[in-house]
Amino acid sequence: MYKHFFKCLIDFTLSLIGLIFISPIFIVVWIWLSIANKGEGAFFFQERPGKNEKIFKVIKFKTMNDKRDSSGNLLPDAHRLTRVGKFIRSTSLDEIPQLLNVIRGDMSLIGPRPLLVRYLPYYNERERLRHTVKPGITGLAQVNGRNTINWDDRIEMDVQYVQNMSFWLDIKIFFGTIKNVFFRTNVVLDPESIMKNFDDERNLQN
């Protein structure tokens, strides 16, 4: 009952209330990034796989510029992360617009984080269980190491969440997330600086 009804109701209600409550912060960050990004916009949209691997566009505040090399390719993330963007990421403010994804029904407040579409061919059968529920703004892996844990452990925690989903587990993750955000625990501004992308790592394993 919780998984199929109450979780969706709670997601919608809390996201709507939360967005209204933090709307002043939302507007300030929107204006700040619009100025800092020099006409490149304040929002970042990217396709991600959702429930049943259905593709949707995740919405985040834009923390990187669009600078490219002489061949027209985007520079590495570390070279495109702006000064303002570093602060926005370190405080997790870049995640706020995803409340709109939750209200639209694309995401949940809590669930496996939506990863890149190009990672889809690299999941094994068990790991694909992470896509049998809506992706979340935060999840079990995010309160147990975030980007500092290896891919195998991170994906396994996503699967464990799906298999053990409950109201009390969501409450535990919710308050764990608040604690981590407040103390800026395990914040990595550029994840690629400490680990390979999931597809690159799986290619090496094969």
C-alpha atoms as a PDB file:
ATOM      1  CA  MET A   1       0.000   0.000   0.000  1.00  0.00           C
ATOM      2  CA  TYR A   2       2.798   2.433   0.889  1.00  0.00           C
ATOM      3  CA  LYS A   3       4.835   1.696  -2.244  1.00  0.00           C
ATOM      4  CA  HIS A   4       1.913   1.980  -4.675  1.00  0.00           C
ATOM      5  CA  PHE A   5      -0.166   4.779  -3.129  1.00  0.00           C
ATOM      6  CA  PHE A   6       0.993   6.595  -0.012  1.00  0.00           C
ATOM      7  CA  LYS A   7       4.573   7.134  -1.229  1.00  0.00           C
ATOM      8  CA  CYS A   8       3.330   8.962  -4.353  1.00  0.00           C
ATOM      9  CA  LEU A   9       0.902  11.035  -2.281  1.00  0.00           C
ATOM     10  CA  ILE A  10       3.609  11.970   0.218  1.00  0.00           C
ATOM     11  CA  ASP A  11       6.056  12.798  -2.591  1.00  0.00           C
ATOM     12  CA  PHE A  12       3.627  15.170  -4.304  1.00  0.00           C
ATOM     13  CA  THR A  13       2.433  16.851  -1.101  1.00  0.00           C
ATOM     14  CA  LEU A  14       5.861  17.381   0.474  1.00  0.00           C
ATOM     15  CA  SER A  15       7.428  18.521  -2.820  1.00  0.00           C
ATOM     16  CA  LEU A  16       4.698  21.099  -3.435  1.00  0.00           C
ATOM     17  CA  ILE A  17       4.886  22.405   0.139  1.00  0.00           C
ATOM     18  CA  GLY A  18       8.687  22.355   0.041  1.00  0.00           C
ATOM     19  CA  LEU A  19       8.851  24.247  -3.242  1.00  0.00           C
ATOM     20  CA  ILE A  20       6.487  26.920  -1.924  1.00  0.00           C
ATOM     21  CA  PHE A  21       8.400  27.195   1.345  1.00  0.00           C
ATOM     22  CA  ILE A  22      11.835  27.549  -0.279  1.00  0.00           C
ATOM     23  CA  SER A  23      10.646  29.608  -3.262  1.00  0.00           C
ATOM     24  CA  PRO A  24      12.588  32.704  -2.045  1.00  0.00           C
ATOM     25  CA  ILE A  25      15.829  30.658  -2.089  1.00  0.00           C
ATOM     26  CA  PHE A  26      14.841  29.177  -5.460  1.00  0.00           C
ATOM     27  CA  ILE A  27      14.343  32.654  -6.952  1.00  0.00           C
ATOM     28  CA  VAL A  28      17.579  34.044  -5.479  1.00  0.00           C
ATOM     29  CA  VAL A  29      19.653  31.132  -6.837  1.00  0.00           C
ATOM     30  CA  TRP A  30      17.857  31.427 -10.194  1.00  0.00           C
ATOM     31  CA  ILE A  31      18.773  35.121 -10.507  1.00  0.00           C
ATOM     32  CA  TRP A  32      22.303  34.583  -9.158  1.00  0.00           C
ATOM     33  CA  LEU A  33      23.071  31.840 -11.671  1.00  0.00           C
ATOM     34  CA  SER A  34      21.441  33.735 -14.526  1.00  0.00           C
ATOM     35  CA  ILE A  35      23.923  36.543 -13.903  1.00  0.00           C
ATOM     36  CA  ALA A  36      26.935  34.335 -13.134  1.00  0.00           C
ATOM     37  CA  ASN A  37      26.409  32.094 -16.173  1.00  0.00           C
ATOM     38  CA  LYS A  38      26.465  35.115 -18.487  1.00  0.00           C
ATOM     39  CA  GLY A  39      23.477  34.298 -20.623  1.00  0.00           C
ATOM     40  CA  GLU A  40      23.889  30.490 -20.591  1.00  0.00           C
ATOM     41  CA  GLY A  41      20.838  30.027 -18.382  1.00  0.00           C
ATOM     42  CA  ALA A  42      20.279  28.991 -14.777  1.00  0.00           C
ATOM     43  CA  PHE A  43      18.894  25.512 -15.400  1.00  0.00           C
ATOM     44  CA  PHE A  44      20.405  22.267 -16.627  1.00  0.00           C
ATOM     45  CA  PHE A  45      18.254  19.677 -18.386  1.00  0.00           C
ATOM     46  CA  GLN A  46      19.481  16.159 -19.109  1.00  0.00           C
ATOM     47  CA  GLU A  47      17.805  12.943 -20.156  1.00  0.00           C
ATOM     48  CA  ARG A  48      17.863  10.225 -17.505  1.00  0.00           C
ATOM     49  CA  PRO A  49      16.198   6.812 -17.224  1.00  0.00           C
ATOM     50  CA  GLY A  50      13.269   6.673 -14.819  1.00  0.00           C
ATOM     51  CA  LYS A  51      10.919   3.915 -13.721  1.00  0.00           C
ATOM     52  CA  ASN A  52      10.963   0.997 -16.179  1.00  0.00           C
ATOM     53  CA  GLU A  53      13.841   2.811 -17.931  1.00  0.00           C
ATOM     54  CA  LYS A  54      11.450   5.407 -19.368  1.00  0.00           C
ATOM     55  CA  ILE A  55      13.483   8.464 -20.355  1.00  0.00           C
ATOM     56  CA  PHE A  56      12.670  11.837 -18.796  1.00  0.00           C
ATOM     57  CA  LYS A  57      14.478  15.145 -18.431  1.00  0.00           C
ATOM     58  CA  VAL A  58      15.914  15.856 -15.001  1.00  0.00           C
ATOM     59  CA  ILE A  59      16.033  19.512 -13.943  1.00  0.00           C
ATOM     60  CA  LYS A  60      18.907  20.940 -11.899  1.00  0.00           C
ATOM     61  CA  PHE A  61      20.492  24.328 -11.363  1.00  0.00           C
ATOM     62  CA  LYS A  62      23.306  24.836 -13.839  1.00  0.00           C
ATOM     63  CA  THR A  63      26.680  24.816 -12.078  1.00  0.00           C
ATOM     64  CA  MET A  64      28.942  24.511 -15.130  1.00  0.00           C
ATOM     65  CA  ASN A  65      29.512  26.715 -18.163  1.00  0.00           C
ATOM     66  CA  ASP A  66      29.480  25.499 -21.782  1.00  0.00           C
ATOM     67  CA  LYS A  67      33.136  26.104 -22.657  1.00  0.00           C
ATOM     68  CA  ARG A  68      34.508  23.873 -25.404  1.00  0.00           C
ATOM     69  CA  ASP A  69      37.907  22.974 -26.816  1.00  0.00           C
ATOM     70  CA  SER A  70      39.142  23.856 -30.312  1.00  0.00           C
ATOM     71  CA  SER A  71      37.347  20.791 -31.709  1.00  0.00           C
ATOM     72  CA  GLY A  72      34.008  21.860 -30.290  1.00  0.00           C
ATOM     73  CA  ASN A  73      33.931  19.276 -27.499  1.00  0.00           C
ATOM     74  CA  LEU A  74      32.882  20.273 -23.995  1.00  0.00           C
ATOM     75  CA  LEU A  75      35.812  20.688 -21.623  1.00  0.00           C
ATOM     76  CA  PRO A  76      36.061  18.297 -18.618  1.00  0.00           C
ATOM     77  CA  ASP A  77      33.683  19.054 -15.745  1.00  0.00           C
ATOM     78  CA  ALA A  78      36.496  20.343 -13.518  1.00  0.00           C
ATOM     79  CA  HIS A  79      37.286  23.061 -16.076  1.00  0.00           C
ATOM     80  CA  ARG A  80      33.655  24.111 -16.512  1.00  0.00           C
ATOM     81  CA  LEU A  81      32.558  24.248 -12.875  1.00  0.00           C
ATOM     82  CA  THR A  82      32.051  27.922 -12.018  1.00  0.00           C
ATOM     83  CA  ARG A  83      32.892  29.621  -8.734  1.00  0.00           C
ATOM     84  CA  VAL A  84      29.210  30.119  -8.003  1.00  0.00           C
ATOM     85  CA  GLY A  85      28.557  26.560  -9.140  1.00  0.00           C
ATOM     86  CA  LYS A  86      31.001  25.188  -6.578  1.00  0.00           C
ATOM     87  CA  PHE A  87      29.054  26.840  -3.778  1.00  0.00           C
ATOM     88  CA  ILE A  88      25.711  25.704  -5.180  1.00  0.00           C
ATOM     89  CA  ARG A  89      26.949  22.093  -5.406  1.00  0.00           C
ATOM     90  CA  SER A  90      28.618  22.069  -1.996  1.00  0.00           C
ATOM     91  CA  THR A  91      25.333  23.115  -0.380  1.00  0.00           C
ATOM     92  CA  SER A  92      23.250  20.766  -2.585  1.00  0.00           C
ATOM     93  CA  LEU A  93      21.154  23.728  -3.756  1.00  0.00           C
ATOM     94  CA  ASP A  94      21.545  22.461  -7.325  1.00  0.00           C
ATOM     95  CA  GLU A  95      19.099  19.656  -6.488  1.00  0.00           C
ATOM     96  CA  ILE A  96      16.171  21.970  -5.625  1.00  0.00           C
ATOM     97  CA  PRO A  97      14.622  22.107  -9.137  1.00  0.00           C
ATOM     98  CA  GLN A  98      14.166  18.325  -9.030  1.00  0.00           C
ATOM     99  CA  LEU A  99      11.180  18.981  -6.788  1.00  0.00           C
ATOM    100  CA  LEU A 100       9.481  19.913 -10.067  1.00  0.00           C
ATOM    101  CA  ASN A 101      10.345  16.443 -11.405  1.00  0.00           C
ATOM    102  CA  VAL A 102       8.713  14.923  -8.312  1.00  0.00           C
ATOM    103  CA  ILE A 103       5.568  17.041  -8.724  1.00  0.00           C
ATOM    104  CA  ARG A 104       5.382  15.982 -12.380  1.00  0.00           C
ATOM    105  CA  GLY A 105       5.631  12.337 -11.345  1.00  0.00           C
ATOM    106  CA  ASP A 106       8.991  11.608 -12.990  1.00  0.00           C
ATOM    107  CA  MET A 107      10.811  11.172  -9.692  1.00  0.00           C
ATOM    108  CA  SER A 108      10.329  10.442  -6.019  1.00  0.00           C
ATOM    109  CA  LEU A 109      11.838  12.282  -3.077  1.00  0.00           C
ATOM    110  CA  ILE A 110      13.648   9.079  -2.121  1.00  0.00           C
ATOM    111  CA  GLY A 111      14.855   6.325  -4.421  1.00  0.00           C
ATOM    112  CA  PRO A 112      17.852   5.292  -6.537  1.00  0.00           C
ATOM    113  CA  ARG A 113      19.496   8.357  -8.082  1.00  0.00           C
ATOM    114  CA  PRO A 114      18.805   8.671 -11.839  1.00  0.00           C
ATOM    115  CA  LEU A 115      22.087   8.032 -13.626  1.00  0.00           C
ATOM    116  CA  LEU A 116      23.097   8.630 -17.242  1.00  0.00           C
ATOM    117  CA  VAL A 117      21.204   7.038 -20.132  1.00  0.00           C
ATOM    118  CA  ARG A 118      24.431   5.713 -21.598  1.00  0.00           C
ATOM    119  CA  TYR A 119      24.904   3.505 -18.521  1.00  0.00           C
ATOM    120  CA  LEU A 120      21.826   1.386 -19.330  1.00  0.00           C
ATOM    121  CA  PRO A 121      23.644  -1.392 -21.279  1.00  0.00           C
ATOM    122  CA  TYR A 122      26.081  -1.940 -18.398  1.00  0.00           C
ATOM    123  CA  TYR A 123      23.686  -3.081 -15.650  1.00  0.00           C
ATOM    124  CA  ASN A 124      23.364  -6.787 -14.910  1.00  0.00           C
ATOM    125  CA  GLU A 125      19.966  -8.382 -14.305  1.00  0.00           C
ATOM    126  CA  ARG A 126      19.992  -7.756 -10.555  1.00  0.00           C
ATOM    127  CA  GLU A 127      21.150  -4.156 -10.942  1.00  0.00           C
ATOM    128  CA  ARG A 128      18.262  -3.429 -13.306  1.00  0.00           C
ATOM    129  CA  LEU A 129      15.941  -3.749 -10.297  1.00  0.00           C
ATOM    130  CA  ARG A 130      16.920  -0.141  -9.499  1.00  0.00           C
ATOM    131  CA  HIS A 131      14.732   0.895 -12.435  1.00  0.00           C
ATOM    132  CA  THR A 132      11.588  -0.842 -11.169  1.00  0.00           C
ATOM    133  CA  VAL A 133      10.817   2.172  -8.975  1.00  0.00           C
ATOM    134  CA  LYS A 134      10.900   5.904  -9.549  1.00  0.00           C
ATOM    135  CA  PRO A 135      14.367   7.460  -9.161  1.00  0.00           C
ATOM    136  CA  GLY A 136      14.862   9.758  -6.187  1.00  0.00           C
ATOM    137  CA  ILE A 137      16.449  13.079  -5.319  1.00  0.00           C
ATOM    138  CA  THR A 138      18.243  11.209  -2.552  1.00  0.00           C
ATOM    139  CA  GLY A 139      18.597   7.563  -1.668  1.00  0.00           C
ATOM    140  CA  LEU A 140      20.242   4.894   0.448  1.00  0.00           C
ATOM    141  CA  ALA A 141      23.591   5.276  -1.352  1.00  0.00           C
ATOM    142  CA  GLN A 142      23.544   9.050  -0.863  1.00  0.00           C
ATOM    143  CA  VAL A 143      23.406   8.740   2.928  1.00  0.00           C
ATOM    144  CA  ASN A 144      26.065   6.017   2.970  1.00  0.00           C
ATOM    145  CA  GLY A 145      28.970   7.616   1.193  1.00  0.00           C
ATOM    146  CA  ARG A 146      27.467   9.396  -1.795  1.00  0.00           C
ATOM    147  CA  ASN A 147      30.134   9.732  -4.520  1.00  0.00           C
ATOM    148  CA  THR A 148      32.911   8.394  -2.287  1.00  0.00           C
ATOM    149  CA  ILE A 149      31.849   4.733  -2.571  1.00  0.00           C
ATOM    150  CA  ASN A 150      32.599   2.507  -5.548  1.00  0.00           C
ATOM    151  CA  TRP A 151      30.042   1.812  -8.245  1.00  0.00           C
ATOM    152  CA  ASP A 152      29.368  -1.821  -7.325  1.00  0.00           C
ATOM    153  CA  ASP A 153      28.500  -0.907  -3.732  1.00  0.00           C
ATOM    154  CA  ARG A 154      26.462   2.116  -4.792  1.00  0.00           C
ATOM    155  CA  ILE A 155      24.322   0.142  -7.245  1.00  0.00           C
ATOM    156  CA  GLU A 156      23.931  -2.694  -4.735  1.00  0.00           C
ATOM    157  CA  MET A 157      22.544  -0.227  -2.189  1.00  0.00           C
ATOM    158  CA  ASP A 158      20.037   0.952  -4.803  1.00  0.00           C
ATOM    159  CA  VAL A 159      18.883  -2.645  -5.258  1.00  0.00           C
ATOM    160  CA  GLN A 160      18.681  -3.171  -1.499  1.00  0.00           C
ATOM    161  CA  TYR A 161      16.516  -0.067  -1.230  1.00  0.00           C
ATOM    162  CA  VAL A 162      14.102  -1.413  -3.859  1.00  0.00           C
ATOM    163  CA  GLN A 163      13.897  -4.777  -2.077  1.00  0.00           C
ATOM    164  CA  ASN A 164      13.346  -3.220   1.362  1.00  0.00           C
ATOM    165  CA  MET A 165      11.345  -0.096   0.527  1.00  0.00           C
ATOM    166  CA  SER A 166       9.228   1.078   3.439  1.00  0.00           C
ATOM    167  CA  PHE A 167       7.963   4.221   5.116  1.00  0.00           C
ATOM    168  CA  TRP A 168      10.463   3.866   7.957  1.00  0.00           C
ATOM    169  CA  LEU A 169      13.397   3.364   5.601  1.00  0.00           C
ATOM    170  CA  ASP A 170      12.384   6.513   3.728  1.00  0.00           C
ATOM    171  CA  ILE A 171      12.176   8.438   7.012  1.00  0.00           C
ATOM    172  CA  LYS A 172      15.662   7.254   7.946  1.00  0.00           C
ATOM    173  CA  ILE A 173      17.070   8.308   4.550  1.00  0.00           C
ATOM    174  CA  PHE A 174      15.230  11.647   4.689  1.00  0.00           C
ATOM    175  CA  PHE A 175      16.742  12.677   8.014  1.00  0.00           C
ATOM    176  CA  GLY A 176      20.118  11.220   7.041  1.00  0.00           C
ATOM    177  CA  THR A 177      20.068  13.437   3.961  1.00  0.00           C
ATOM    178  CA  ILE A 178      19.252  16.542   5.997  1.00  0.00           C
ATOM    179  CA  LYS A 179      22.161  15.747   8.305  1.00  0.00           C
ATOM    180  CA  ASN A 180      24.561  15.253   5.381  1.00  0.00           C
ATOM    181  CA  VAL A 181      23.466  18.467   3.676  1.00  0.00           C
ATOM    182  CA  PHE A 182      23.802  20.465   6.903  1.00  0.00           C
ATOM    183  CA  PHE A 183      27.319  19.156   7.596  1.00  0.00           C
ATOM    184  CA  ARG A 184      28.229  18.929   3.862  1.00  0.00           C
ATOM    185  CA  THR A 185      29.215  15.294   4.381  1.00  0.00           C
ATOM    186  CA  ASN A 186      30.926  13.415   1.519  1.00  0.00           C
ATOM    187  CA  VAL A 187      30.544  16.318  -0.897  1.00  0.00           C
ATOM    188  CA  VAL A 188      32.630  15.778  -4.050  1.00  0.00           C
ATOM    189  CA  LEU A 189      32.388  18.720  -6.448  1.00  0.00           C
ATOM    190  CA  ASP A 190      33.892  16.757  -9.332  1.00  0.00           C
ATOM    191  CA  PRO A 191      33.156  12.997  -8.967  1.00  0.00           C
ATOM    192  CA  GLU A 192      35.325  12.206 -12.000  1.00  0.00           C
ATOM    193  CA  SER A 193      38.341  13.398 -10.021  1.00  0.00           C
ATOM    194  CA  ILE A 194      38.122  10.416  -7.648  1.00  0.00           C
ATOM    195  CA  MET A 195      36.527   7.666  -9.741  1.00  0.00           C
ATOM    196  CA  LYS A 196      35.794   6.606 -13.301  1.00  0.00           C
ATOM    197  CA  ASN A 197      32.396   6.871 -14.933  1.00  0.00           C
ATOM    198  CA  PHE A 198      30.260   3.739 -14.547  1.00  0.00           C
ATOM    199  CA  ASP A 199      30.505   2.712 -18.209  1.00  0.00           C
ATOM    200  CA  ASP A 200      34.267   3.240 -18.311  1.00  0.00           C
ATOM    201  CA  GLU A 201      34.708   1.104 -15.189  1.00  0.00           C
ATOM    202  CA  ARG A 202      32.552  -1.722 -16.533  1.00  0.00           C
ATOM    203  CA  ASN A 203      34.446  -1.671 -19.841  1.00  0.00           C
ATOM    204  CA  LEU A 204      37.695  -2.115 -17.918  1.00  0.00           C
ATOM    205  CA  GLN A 205      36.207  -5.030 -15.960  1.00  0.00           C
ATOM    206  CA  ASN A 206      35.257  -6.722 -19.215  1.00  0.00           C
END
